[in-house]
């Protein structure tokens, strides 16, 4: 889960470049018509049933982007990819990064296909506002997460109103957005490219899509590479009565993972000395003091290496959550923190701060994220439950507990449920082994959850990346890429208990 607003400033350089999808007429999934839409890129639009229980009923559209295999004479099939979110564009993922995803050997033997899941991006989308202007008027005043009684009350009311608006504008689409329905779409797409079994690379929430597919169609699995998988039981329902009293965004334990990763960042910064601009005798204490100062003075405008940024307490925490996913950028993050610290020291409490310019394009990622997650996860139905849970979570994981808790506030009153969601089992033997990739200090997914999944999933092998960061695509490890290459091409798994290292370490000067 990753809200994207104008205030998530520290990760601005890490955002995906969102190129527009070429308009392509939708055809039934079994009859994909690919058309050129850029250098070595082909686009298509597929029609799939809104309700898979009524295959001849209303149809919706899915947007796809393909990079054809570079060596067609040795082509094995198609690798479908999903970058996570939920709500992130798989079509943009392949369009923008298709030449770098996986290895050249994999791209030589496979077509690479990304698609926008139902409700997302250029597929039949969830849109809760009439225009980008209306969207920004509603969302821009909201904090990354609320701090203080008044903000929490306004945030709670706003999330209830958001659900009402989404229901009003989307109708029964909201009742058919579960991961299970995306998996059913994926199986139609597999058939459309004439692959007998599915080859899939799923990242973060995209790994949950792979696990759901494996539960629904275990006999149709050729290869599933699942990097940074979330615990599916914790996501959907929890593992016991106590879990059912918690929002899903707390059950999955991401607040604990973020807190652990922040500690790694601060400790490695301190050890790096002059190679980390934010280093101090006690770097953790310096970070704490910065956040206390931001609570005192409110948002500040800082002159940073990436330009002027206006940030407050909650903005820095949300931005750190995103920045911790990419260790190669930690040196830059440290410089930005120094600039924010300088601005906070110079600012008098209560001084006015310029607001960020509103966006002029409609980005539905946040709306799709909530629409998907709230439609399929169990959550408390009392919206007042979130504030006490946030206090408890903050005691468990300072700074990040409240952020992760309030991320799902809208689910308390969300107006739609998908009756066709899949709740397991997630331990069905698959036709081919599954490869899990877990990072030891992942800021979004607890490594302990990945280890547990590896124990519970038959035929699964865990490949460990001993590093901070979220996903190998953000960390970069030749060791992991080679293992994934052998698995996707030849179905050869790495030896059990294999541990890989990253190519570089945080705050390490590039070679």
Protein backbone atom coordinates (compact mmCIF):
# COMPACT_ATOMS: atom_id res chain seq x y z
CA UNK A 1 0.00 0.00 0.00
CA UNK A 2 1.48 3.37 -0.89
CA UNK A 3 -0.58 6.56 -0.96
CA UNK A 4 0.74 9.06 -3.48
CA UNK A 5 0.12 12.73 -2.74
CA UNK A 6 1.96 15.97 -3.40
CA UNK A 7 3.34 15.88 0.14
CA UNK A 8 5.20 12.58 -0.22
CA UNK A 9 8.18 14.66 -1.21
CA UNK A 10 11.28 12.76 -0.27
CA UNK A 11 10.53 10.02 -2.75
CA UNK A 12 9.76 12.33 -5.66
CA UNK A 13 12.78 11.12 -7.62
CA UNK A 14 11.72 7.51 -7.20
CA UNK A 15 8.22 7.80 -8.69
CA UNK A 16 7.30 5.89 -11.85
CA UNK A 17 7.12 8.01 -14.98
CA UNK A 18 3.50 7.69 -16.03
CA UNK A 19 3.24 7.70 -19.82
CA UNK A 20 -0.25 7.63 -21.32
CA UNK A 21 -1.55 4.33 -22.61
CA UNK A 22 -2.35 4.22 -26.30
CA UNK A 23 -6.08 3.94 -26.93
CA UNK A 24 -6.83 0.45 -28.23
CA UNK A 25 -10.26 -1.03 -28.89
CA UNK A 26 -11.09 -3.79 -26.40
CA UNK A 27 -11.47 -7.34 -27.71
CA UNK A 28 -12.33 -10.56 -25.87
CA UNK A 29 -9.36 -11.84 -23.87
CA UNK A 30 -9.17 -14.94 -26.07
CA UNK A 31 -8.60 -12.70 -29.13
CA UNK A 32 -5.98 -10.14 -28.14
CA UNK A 33 -5.01 -7.77 -30.93
CA UNK A 34 -1.58 -6.27 -30.32
CA UNK A 35 -0.66 -2.93 -31.92
CA UNK A 36 2.58 -0.99 -31.85
CA UNK A 37 2.59 1.74 -29.17
CA UNK A 38 6.24 2.75 -28.94
CA UNK A 39 9.71 1.36 -29.48
CA UNK A 40 9.48 -2.41 -28.98
CA UNK A 41 6.17 -1.95 -27.18
CA UNK A 42 2.80 -3.35 -28.15
CA UNK A 43 -0.56 -2.52 -26.59
CA UNK A 44 -3.87 -4.31 -26.42
CA UNK A 45 -7.17 -4.04 -24.59
CA UNK A 46 -9.01 -7.15 -23.43
CA UNK A 47 -12.68 -7.59 -22.53
CA UNK A 48 -13.40 -9.71 -19.46
CA UNK A 49 -16.61 -10.29 -17.48
CA UNK A 50 -17.31 -7.86 -14.68
CA UNK A 51 -18.75 -10.83 -12.77
CA UNK A 52 -17.08 -14.14 -13.55
CA UNK A 53 -20.22 -15.90 -12.29
CA UNK A 54 -22.00 -14.31 -15.26
CA UNK A 55 -19.53 -14.72 -18.14
CA UNK A 56 -22.06 -13.45 -20.70
CA UNK A 57 -23.02 -10.40 -18.66
CA UNK A 58 -21.48 -6.92 -18.54
CA UNK A 59 -17.90 -6.74 -19.81
CA UNK A 60 -15.09 -4.46 -18.67
CA UNK A 61 -11.78 -3.54 -20.30
CA UNK A 62 -8.19 -4.33 -19.28
CA UNK A 63 -5.21 -2.39 -20.69
CA UNK A 64 -2.08 -4.41 -21.54
CA UNK A 65 1.45 -3.60 -22.66
CA UNK A 66 3.85 -6.19 -24.10
CA UNK A 67 7.57 -6.29 -24.82
CA UNK A 68 8.01 -9.18 -27.30
CA UNK A 69 10.75 -11.73 -26.72
CA UNK A 70 14.02 -10.49 -28.21
CA UNK A 71 14.86 -13.98 -29.57
CA UNK A 72 11.56 -15.29 -31.02
CA UNK A 73 13.21 -18.45 -32.33
CA UNK A 74 13.84 -19.58 -28.73
CA UNK A 75 10.66 -18.18 -27.22
CA UNK A 76 9.19 -20.19 -24.32
CA UNK A 77 6.06 -18.16 -23.63
CA UNK A 78 4.85 -15.11 -21.71
CA UNK A 79 5.86 -13.75 -18.30
CA UNK A 80 3.03 -11.74 -16.79
CA UNK A 81 4.14 -9.18 -14.20
CA UNK A 82 2.36 -7.15 -11.53
CA UNK A 83 4.12 -4.34 -9.61
CA UNK A 84 1.85 -4.29 -6.56
CA UNK A 85 -0.01 -1.51 -4.85
CA UNK A 86 -2.79 -2.54 -5.03
CA UNK A 87 -3.66 0.11 -7.55
CA UNK A 88 -0.34 0.38 -9.40
CA UNK A 89 -0.28 0.20 -13.19
CA UNK A 90 1.21 -2.99 -14.57
CA UNK A 91 1.01 -1.54 -18.08
CA UNK A 92 3.15 1.46 -17.10
CA UNK A 93 5.51 -0.85 -15.22
CA UNK A 94 6.32 -2.74 -18.42
CA UNK A 95 6.17 0.33 -20.65
CA UNK A 96 8.66 2.28 -18.55
CA UNK A 97 10.90 -0.48 -17.20
CA UNK A 98 10.39 -3.42 -19.54
CA UNK A 99 13.96 -3.22 -20.85
CA UNK A 100 15.34 -3.57 -17.32
CA UNK A 101 12.93 -6.02 -15.68
CA UNK A 102 14.35 -9.48 -15.15
CA UNK A 103 17.49 -10.37 -17.13
CA UNK A 104 18.29 -10.17 -20.85
CA UNK A 105 18.23 -13.96 -21.00
CA UNK A 106 14.66 -14.03 -19.65
CA UNK A 107 13.55 -11.21 -21.94
CA UNK A 108 15.05 -13.10 -24.89
CA UNK A 109 12.94 -16.20 -24.21
CA UNK A 110 9.68 -14.64 -23.02
CA UNK A 111 7.25 -11.94 -24.00
CA UNK A 112 6.90 -9.59 -21.03
CA UNK A 113 3.29 -8.51 -20.37
CA UNK A 114 1.92 -6.09 -17.80
CA UNK A 115 -1.71 -5.17 -17.39
CA UNK A 116 -3.71 -2.70 -15.35
CA UNK A 117 -5.94 -4.77 -13.07
CA UNK A 118 -9.67 -4.08 -13.10
CA UNK A 119 -10.36 -0.72 -11.47
CA UNK A 120 -6.82 0.56 -12.10
CA UNK A 121 -5.32 3.09 -14.50
CA UNK A 122 -6.30 2.61 -18.12
CA UNK A 123 -8.47 -0.45 -17.47
CA UNK A 124 -12.11 0.16 -16.51
CA UNK A 125 -11.17 2.45 -13.61
CA UNK A 126 -12.49 3.38 -10.22
CA UNK A 127 -13.04 7.14 -10.30
CA UNK A 128 -14.58 8.78 -7.29
CA UNK A 129 -14.58 12.36 -8.60
CA UNK A 130 -15.78 14.08 -11.75
CA UNK A 131 -12.42 15.68 -12.53
CA UNK A 132 -8.82 16.01 -11.38
CA UNK A 133 -9.70 19.44 -9.98
CA UNK A 134 -12.52 18.02 -7.86
CA UNK A 135 -10.25 15.17 -6.75
CA UNK A 136 -7.52 17.55 -5.61
CA UNK A 137 -9.98 19.89 -3.90
CA UNK A 138 -11.12 16.95 -1.77
CA UNK A 139 -7.81 15.11 -1.20
CA UNK A 140 -5.18 17.87 -1.04
CA UNK A 141 -6.21 19.23 2.38
CA UNK A 142 -6.01 15.76 3.96
CA UNK A 143 -2.83 14.85 5.86
CA UNK A 144 -0.81 11.74 5.10
CA UNK A 145 -2.29 10.56 8.39
CA UNK A 146 -4.05 12.55 11.10
CA UNK A 147 -2.27 13.87 14.19
CA UNK A 148 -4.35 15.20 17.07
CA UNK A 149 -8.03 14.89 17.95
CA UNK A 150 -9.36 17.46 15.48
CA UNK A 151 -7.42 16.05 12.53
CA UNK A 152 -8.55 12.52 13.37
CA UNK A 153 -12.19 13.60 13.45
CA UNK A 154 -11.94 15.41 10.11
CA UNK A 155 -10.02 12.51 8.56
CA UNK A 156 -12.62 9.98 9.74
CA UNK A 157 -15.45 12.03 8.25
CA UNK A 158 -13.56 12.57 5.00
CA UNK A 159 -12.94 8.83 4.55
CA UNK A 160 -16.63 8.15 5.07
CA UNK A 161 -17.49 10.78 2.47
CA UNK A 162 -14.91 9.32 0.07
CA UNK A 163 -16.62 5.94 0.21
CA UNK A 164 -20.00 7.57 -0.45
CA UNK A 165 -18.64 9.40 -3.50
CA UNK A 166 -16.98 6.26 -4.83
CA UNK A 167 -20.21 4.32 -4.53
CA UNK A 168 -22.17 7.06 -6.24
CA UNK A 169 -19.88 7.21 -9.27
CA UNK A 170 -18.89 3.53 -9.72
CA UNK A 171 -21.99 1.48 -8.96
CA UNK A 172 -21.53 -2.29 -8.99
CA UNK A 173 -17.92 -2.08 -10.22
CA UNK A 174 -16.93 -1.72 -6.55
CA UNK A 175 -18.34 -5.17 -5.79
CA UNK A 176 -16.05 -6.97 -8.26
CA UNK A 177 -12.53 -5.65 -7.59
CA UNK A 178 -11.05 -8.36 -5.36
CA UNK A 179 -7.66 -9.93 -5.98
CA UNK A 180 -9.51 -13.16 -6.75
CA UNK A 181 -11.30 -11.53 -9.67
CA UNK A 182 -7.99 -10.15 -10.92
CA UNK A 183 -6.60 -13.71 -10.74
CA UNK A 184 -9.57 -14.92 -12.78
CA UNK A 185 -8.83 -12.19 -15.33
CA UNK A 186 -5.19 -13.29 -15.35
CA UNK A 187 -6.21 -16.83 -16.21
CA UNK A 188 -8.20 -15.55 -19.19
CA UNK A 189 -5.15 -13.57 -20.30
CA UNK A 190 -2.98 -16.69 -19.96
CA UNK A 191 -5.35 -18.49 -22.29
CA UNK A 192 -5.35 -15.53 -24.67
CA UNK A 193 -1.56 -15.75 -25.17
CA UNK A 194 -1.88 -19.55 -25.63
CA UNK A 195 0.25 -20.54 -22.63
CA UNK A 196 -0.79 -23.89 -21.18
CA UNK A 197 0.38 -22.81 -17.71
CA UNK A 198 1.08 -19.44 -16.12
CA UNK A 199 4.52 -17.89 -15.78
CA UNK A 200 4.29 -14.92 -13.44
CA UNK A 201 6.50 -12.42 -11.61
CA UNK A 202 4.67 -10.66 -8.80
CA UNK A 203 6.10 -7.92 -6.62
CA UNK A 204 4.78 -6.92 -3.17
CA UNK A 205 0.96 -6.95 -3.41
CA UNK A 206 1.54 -8.47 -6.86
CA UNK A 207 2.87 -11.52 -5.02
CA UNK A 208 -0.51 -11.76 -3.28
CA UNK A 209 -2.07 -11.93 -6.72
CA UNK A 210 0.26 -14.85 -7.52
CA UNK A 211 -0.64 -16.64 -4.29
CA UNK A 212 -4.33 -16.16 -5.03
CA UNK A 213 -3.88 -17.56 -8.53
CA UNK A 214 -2.05 -20.55 -7.06
CA UNK A 215 -4.96 -21.16 -4.70
CA UNK A 216 -7.58 -20.95 -7.45
CA UNK A 217 -5.64 -22.72 -10.22
CA UNK A 218 -2.81 -24.77 -8.69
CA UNK A 219 -2.73 -27.15 -11.65
CA UNK A 220 -2.08 -24.24 -14.08
CA UNK A 221 1.14 -22.97 -12.51
CA UNK A 222 4.34 -23.17 -14.56
CA UNK A 223 6.41 -20.71 -12.51
CA UNK A 224 5.55 -18.13 -9.86
CA UNK A 225 8.31 -15.76 -8.74
CA UNK A 226 6.89 -13.83 -5.78
CA UNK A 227 9.11 -11.03 -4.44
CA UNK A 228 8.15 -9.42 -1.11
CA UNK A 229 4.90 -11.36 -0.56
CA UNK A 230 2.51 -10.19 2.16
CA UNK A 231 1.01 -12.80 4.49
CA UNK A 232 -2.28 -13.61 2.70
CA UNK A 233 -4.12 -14.82 5.82
CA UNK A 234 -3.20 -11.66 7.73
CA UNK A 235 -4.29 -9.55 4.76
CA UNK A 236 -7.73 -11.05 4.26
CA UNK A 237 -8.98 -12.17 7.68
CA UNK A 238 -6.24 -12.46 10.28
CA UNK A 239 -5.28 -15.60 12.14
CA UNK A 240 -7.47 -15.39 15.23
CA UNK A 241 -10.22 -13.54 17.12
CA UNK A 242 -7.90 -10.70 18.17
CA UNK A 243 -6.87 -10.09 14.55
CA UNK A 244 -10.50 -9.52 13.62
CA UNK A 245 -10.54 -6.44 15.84
CA UNK A 246 -7.65 -4.89 13.90
CA UNK A 247 -7.63 -3.13 10.51
CA UNK A 248 -5.94 -5.23 7.86
CA UNK A 249 -3.22 -2.60 7.46
CA UNK A 250 -2.09 -3.33 11.03
CA UNK A 251 -2.57 -7.12 10.92
CA UNK A 252 0.02 -7.53 8.19
CA UNK A 253 2.72 -6.03 10.46
CA UNK A 254 4.06 -3.46 8.02
CA UNK A 255 4.36 -0.85 10.80
CA UNK A 256 6.87 -3.14 12.51
CA UNK A 257 8.78 -3.63 9.27
CA UNK A 258 8.96 0.13 8.63
CA UNK A 259 10.19 0.82 12.17
CA UNK A 260 12.89 -1.84 11.83
CA UNK A 261 14.03 -0.41 8.49
CA UNK A 262 14.17 3.12 9.89
CA UNK A 263 16.46 1.85 12.63
CA UNK A 264 18.70 0.26 10.01
CA UNK A 265 18.80 3.54 8.07
CA UNK A 266 19.75 5.61 11.12
CA UNK A 267 22.32 3.11 12.41
CA UNK A 268 24.00 2.75 9.02
CA UNK A 269 23.97 6.51 8.57
CA UNK A 270 25.76 6.91 11.89
CA UNK A 271 28.29 4.22 10.98
CA UNK A 272 28.90 5.87 7.58
CA UNK A 273 30.11 9.08 9.22
CA UNK A 274 30.88 11.79 6.69
CA UNK A 275 29.40 9.66 3.88
CA UNK A 276 25.96 10.29 5.43
CA UNK A 277 25.01 13.96 5.72
CA UNK A 278 22.60 13.28 8.60
CA UNK A 279 25.11 11.34 10.71
CA UNK A 280 25.59 12.41 14.33
CA UNK A 281 26.98 11.10 17.61
CA UNK A 282 23.46 9.77 18.19
CA UNK A 283 21.67 9.74 14.83
CA UNK A 284 18.48 8.24 16.22
CA UNK A 285 18.25 11.11 18.73
CA UNK A 286 18.82 13.62 15.94
CA UNK A 287 15.94 12.16 13.94
CA UNK A 288 13.68 12.19 17.01
CA UNK A 289 14.54 15.84 17.63
CA UNK A 290 13.69 16.75 14.04
CA UNK A 291 10.26 15.15 14.31
CA UNK A 292 9.57 16.85 17.65
CA UNK A 293 10.51 20.19 16.08
CA UNK A 294 8.14 19.61 13.16
CA UNK A 295 5.32 18.90 15.59
CA UNK A 296 6.08 22.22 17.28
CA UNK A 297 6.40 24.47 14.24
CA UNK A 298 4.23 22.73 11.65
CA UNK A 299 5.07 22.33 7.94
CA UNK A 300 8.24 23.95 6.61
CA UNK A 301 9.53 24.71 3.13
CA UNK A 302 13.05 23.40 2.71
CA UNK A 303 15.57 24.11 -0.05
CA UNK A 304 16.66 20.53 -0.78
CA UNK A 305 18.89 18.89 -3.41
CA UNK A 306 15.71 18.00 -5.36
CA UNK A 307 14.23 21.50 -5.13
CA UNK A 308 11.96 23.29 -2.65
CA UNK A 309 9.80 20.88 -0.66
CA UNK A 310 7.04 21.70 1.80
CA UNK A 311 6.76 19.03 4.49
CA UNK A 312 5.35 18.54 7.97
CA UNK A 313 5.58 15.82 10.60
CA UNK A 314 3.31 13.29 8.87
CA UNK A 315 4.81 14.06 5.45
CA UNK A 316 8.33 13.20 6.60
CA UNK A 317 7.17 9.90 8.09
CA UNK A 318 5.26 8.92 4.95
CA UNK A 319 8.18 9.98 2.77
CA UNK A 320 10.62 7.99 4.89
CA UNK A 321 8.42 4.93 4.49
CA UNK A 322 8.74 5.25 0.73
CA UNK A 323 12.43 6.18 0.73
CA UNK A 324 13.40 3.24 2.91
CA UNK A 325 12.39 0.93 0.05
CA UNK A 326 15.39 2.04 -2.08
CA UNK A 327 18.71 1.88 -0.15
CA UNK A 328 20.69 3.31 -3.07
CA UNK A 329 18.91 6.62 -2.45
CA UNK A 330 19.63 6.79 1.27
CA UNK A 331 22.52 9.22 0.89
CA UNK A 332 20.21 11.63 -0.93
CA UNK A 333 17.51 11.11 1.71
CA UNK A 334 20.04 12.08 4.40
CA UNK A 335 20.82 15.35 2.57
CA UNK A 336 17.10 16.12 2.31
CA UNK A 337 16.65 15.49 6.04
CA UNK A 338 19.44 17.97 6.77
CA UNK A 339 17.68 20.58 4.63
CA UNK A 340 14.35 19.95 6.40
CA UNK A 341 16.10 20.16 9.77
CA UNK A 342 17.66 23.50 8.81
CA UNK A 343 14.28 24.87 7.74
CA UNK A 344 12.58 23.60 10.90
CA UNK A 345 15.16 25.30 13.14
CA UNK A 346 14.69 28.60 11.32
CA UNK A 347 10.90 28.55 11.38
CA UNK A 348 8.84 30.22 14.09
CA UNK A 349 5.83 28.25 15.37
CA UNK A 350 2.64 29.23 13.59
CA UNK A 351 4.25 30.89 10.57
CA UNK A 352 2.37 30.42 7.30
CA UNK A 353 3.70 27.99 4.70
CA UNK A 354 2.94 27.93 0.98
CA UNK A 355 0.91 24.95 -0.15
CA UNK A 356 1.97 22.64 -2.96
CA UNK A 357 0.56 23.21 -6.44
CA UNK A 358 -2.36 20.88 -7.21
CA UNK A 359 -1.98 18.11 -9.75
CA UNK A 360 -3.70 18.66 -13.10
CA UNK A 361 -4.09 15.02 -14.14
CA UNK A 362 -6.42 12.41 -12.68
CA UNK A 363 -4.49 9.66 -10.90
CA UNK A 364 -6.81 6.99 -9.51
CA UNK A 365 -4.17 4.89 -7.73
CA UNK A 366 -5.25 5.84 -4.19
CA UNK A 367 -8.92 5.29 -4.98
CA UNK A 368 -8.27 1.93 -6.63
CA UNK A 369 -6.07 0.90 -3.72
CA UNK A 370 -8.86 1.46 -1.21
CA UNK A 371 -11.53 0.02 -3.48
CA UNK A 372 -9.60 -3.24 -3.90
CA UNK A 373 -8.38 -3.66 -0.33
CA UNK A 374 -11.57 -2.61 1.44
CA UNK A 375 -13.71 -4.85 -0.76
CA UNK A 376 -11.88 -8.02 0.22
CA UNK A 377 -10.39 -7.61 3.73
CA UNK A 378 -12.05 -7.98 7.11
CA UNK A 379 -11.95 -4.79 9.19
CA UNK A 380 -13.72 -3.32 12.21
CA UNK A 381 -16.97 -1.66 11.19
CA UNK A 382 -16.73 1.05 13.84
CA UNK A 383 -14.73 3.98 12.39
CA UNK A 384 -13.84 5.15 15.91
CA UNK A 385 -11.79 1.97 16.38
CA UNK A 386 -8.89 3.30 14.28
CA UNK A 387 -7.64 5.95 16.72
CA UNK A 388 -7.01 3.61 19.71
CA UNK A 389 -5.46 1.02 17.40
CA UNK A 390 -3.16 3.75 16.04
CA UNK A 391 -2.02 4.63 19.56
CA UNK A 392 -1.23 0.98 20.28
CA UNK A 393 0.54 0.51 16.96
CA UNK A 394 2.65 3.64 17.56
CA UNK A 395 3.82 2.18 20.85
CA UNK A 396 4.86 -0.97 19.00
CA UNK A 397 6.45 0.90 16.10
CA UNK A 398 7.18 4.59 16.77
CA UNK A 399 6.19 6.95 13.94
CA UNK A 400 4.86 4.24 11.62
CA UNK A 401 2.07 2.73 13.71
CA UNK A 402 -0.39 5.55 13.13
CA UNK A 403 0.56 5.90 9.46
CA UNK A 404 -0.18 2.25 8.67
CA UNK A 405 -3.31 2.21 10.81
CA UNK A 406 -5.04 5.22 9.28
CA UNK A 407 -4.15 4.06 5.77
CA UNK A 408 -7.22 1.78 5.97
CA UNK A 409 -9.61 4.18 7.78
CA UNK A 410 -11.96 4.23 4.78
CA UNK A 411 -12.54 0.48 5.10
CA UNK A 412 -14.62 1.02 8.25
CA UNK A 413 -17.47 2.46 6.21
CA UNK A 414 -16.59 1.28 2.71
CA UNK A 415 -19.87 0.72 0.83
CA UNK A 416 -19.03 -2.45 -1.13
CA UNK A 417 -17.84 -6.02 -0.54
CA UNK A 418 -16.79 -8.55 -3.15
CA UNK A 419 -18.65 -11.79 -2.47
CA UNK A 420 -16.27 -13.64 -4.80
CA UNK A 421 -13.11 -12.85 -2.81
CA UNK A 422 -10.78 -15.80 -2.19
CA UNK A 423 -9.85 -16.51 1.44
CA UNK A 424 -7.75 -19.63 0.94
CA UNK A 425 -6.53 -22.20 1.39
CA UNK A 426 -3.08 -20.90 0.50
CA UNK A 427 -1.30 -24.21 0.96
CA UNK A 428 -2.53 -26.12 -2.08
CA UNK A 429 0.23 -28.06 -3.88
CA UNK A 430 0.97 -26.43 -7.22
CA UNK A 431 1.85 -28.16 -10.48
CA UNK A 432 5.31 -26.58 -10.30
CA UNK A 433 7.40 -25.20 -7.43
CA UNK A 434 7.07 -21.57 -6.32
CA UNK A 435 10.02 -19.24 -5.73
CA UNK A 436 9.66 -16.71 -2.90
CA UNK A 437 12.10 -13.81 -2.52
CA UNK A 438 12.31 -12.05 0.83
CA UNK A 439 14.46 -9.12 1.99
CA UNK A 440 15.66 -9.26 5.59
CA UNK A 441 14.96 -5.59 6.41
CA UNK A 442 12.07 -4.91 4.05
CA UNK A 443 10.31 -1.70 5.23
CA UNK A 444 6.90 -2.81 3.94
CA UNK A 445 6.74 -6.58 4.45
CA UNK A 446 7.99 -8.31 7.63
CA UNK A 447 10.59 -10.93 6.73
CA UNK A 448 9.16 -13.22 9.42
CA UNK A 449 5.93 -13.34 7.42
CA UNK A 450 7.79 -14.40 4.28
CA UNK A 451 9.53 -17.15 6.25
CA UNK A 452 6.19 -18.34 7.58
CA UNK A 453 4.71 -18.40 4.09
CA UNK A 454 7.66 -20.46 2.85
CA UNK A 455 6.99 -23.03 5.58
CA UNK A 456 3.26 -23.22 4.86
CA UNK A 457 3.29 -23.23 1.05
CA UNK A 458 4.04 -26.69 -0.42
CA UNK A 459 6.79 -26.82 -3.04
CA UNK A 460 7.98 -23.30 -2.15
CA UNK A 461 11.63 -22.28 -1.86
CA UNK A 462 12.69 -19.08 -0.10
CA UNK A 463 15.54 -17.06 -1.58
CA UNK A 464 16.76 -14.56 1.01
CA UNK A 465 18.19 -11.15 0.09
CA UNK A 466 20.20 -9.98 3.12
CA UNK A 467 19.63 -6.27 2.77
CA UNK A 468 17.38 -3.37 3.62
CA UNK A 469 14.96 -2.26 0.92
CA UNK A 470 11.74 -3.50 -0.65
CA UNK A 471 12.07 -5.91 -3.60
CA UNK A 472 15.13 -6.82 -5.60
CA UNK A 473 14.08 -4.31 -8.26
CA UNK A 474 14.75 -1.56 -5.70
CA UNK A 475 17.84 -3.14 -4.12
CA UNK A 476 19.68 -4.69 -7.10
CA UNK A 477 21.33 -8.07 -6.56
CA UNK A 478 22.98 -9.99 -9.38
CA UNK A 479 22.75 -13.09 -7.18
CA UNK A 480 18.95 -12.84 -7.00
CA UNK A 481 18.60 -12.02 -10.70
CA UNK A 482 20.63 -15.09 -11.70
CA UNK A 483 18.53 -17.34 -9.46
CA UNK A 484 15.29 -15.90 -10.84
CA UNK A 485 16.58 -16.32 -14.39
CA UNK A 486 17.33 -20.02 -13.87
CA UNK A 487 13.95 -20.53 -12.26
CA UNK A 488 11.87 -18.81 -14.95
CA UNK A 489 13.72 -20.35 -17.89
CA UNK A 490 14.58 -23.86 -16.67
CA UNK A 491 12.41 -24.29 -13.55
CA UNK A 492 15.61 -24.73 -11.53
CA UNK A 493 15.28 -23.59 -7.94
CA UNK A 494 18.18 -22.27 -5.85
CA UNK A 495 19.41 -24.59 -3.08
CA UNK A 496 17.42 -24.35 0.15
CA UNK A 497 18.52 -21.61 2.55
CA UNK A 498 20.30 -19.65 -0.19
CA UNK A 499 21.18 -16.11 0.94
CA UNK A 500 22.13 -13.39 -1.55
CA UNK A 501 23.85 -10.06 -0.97
CA UNK A 502 23.02 -6.75 -2.66
CA UNK A 503 25.35 -5.37 -5.31
CA UNK A 504 25.99 -2.25 -3.22
CA UNK A 505 25.40 -1.15 0.37
CA UNK A 506 23.66 2.04 1.56
CA UNK A 507 25.94 5.10 1.77
CA UNK A 508 28.57 3.23 -0.23
CA UNK A 509 30.06 5.42 -2.99
CA UNK A 510 29.27 3.96 -6.45
CA UNK A 511 32.09 2.05 -8.05
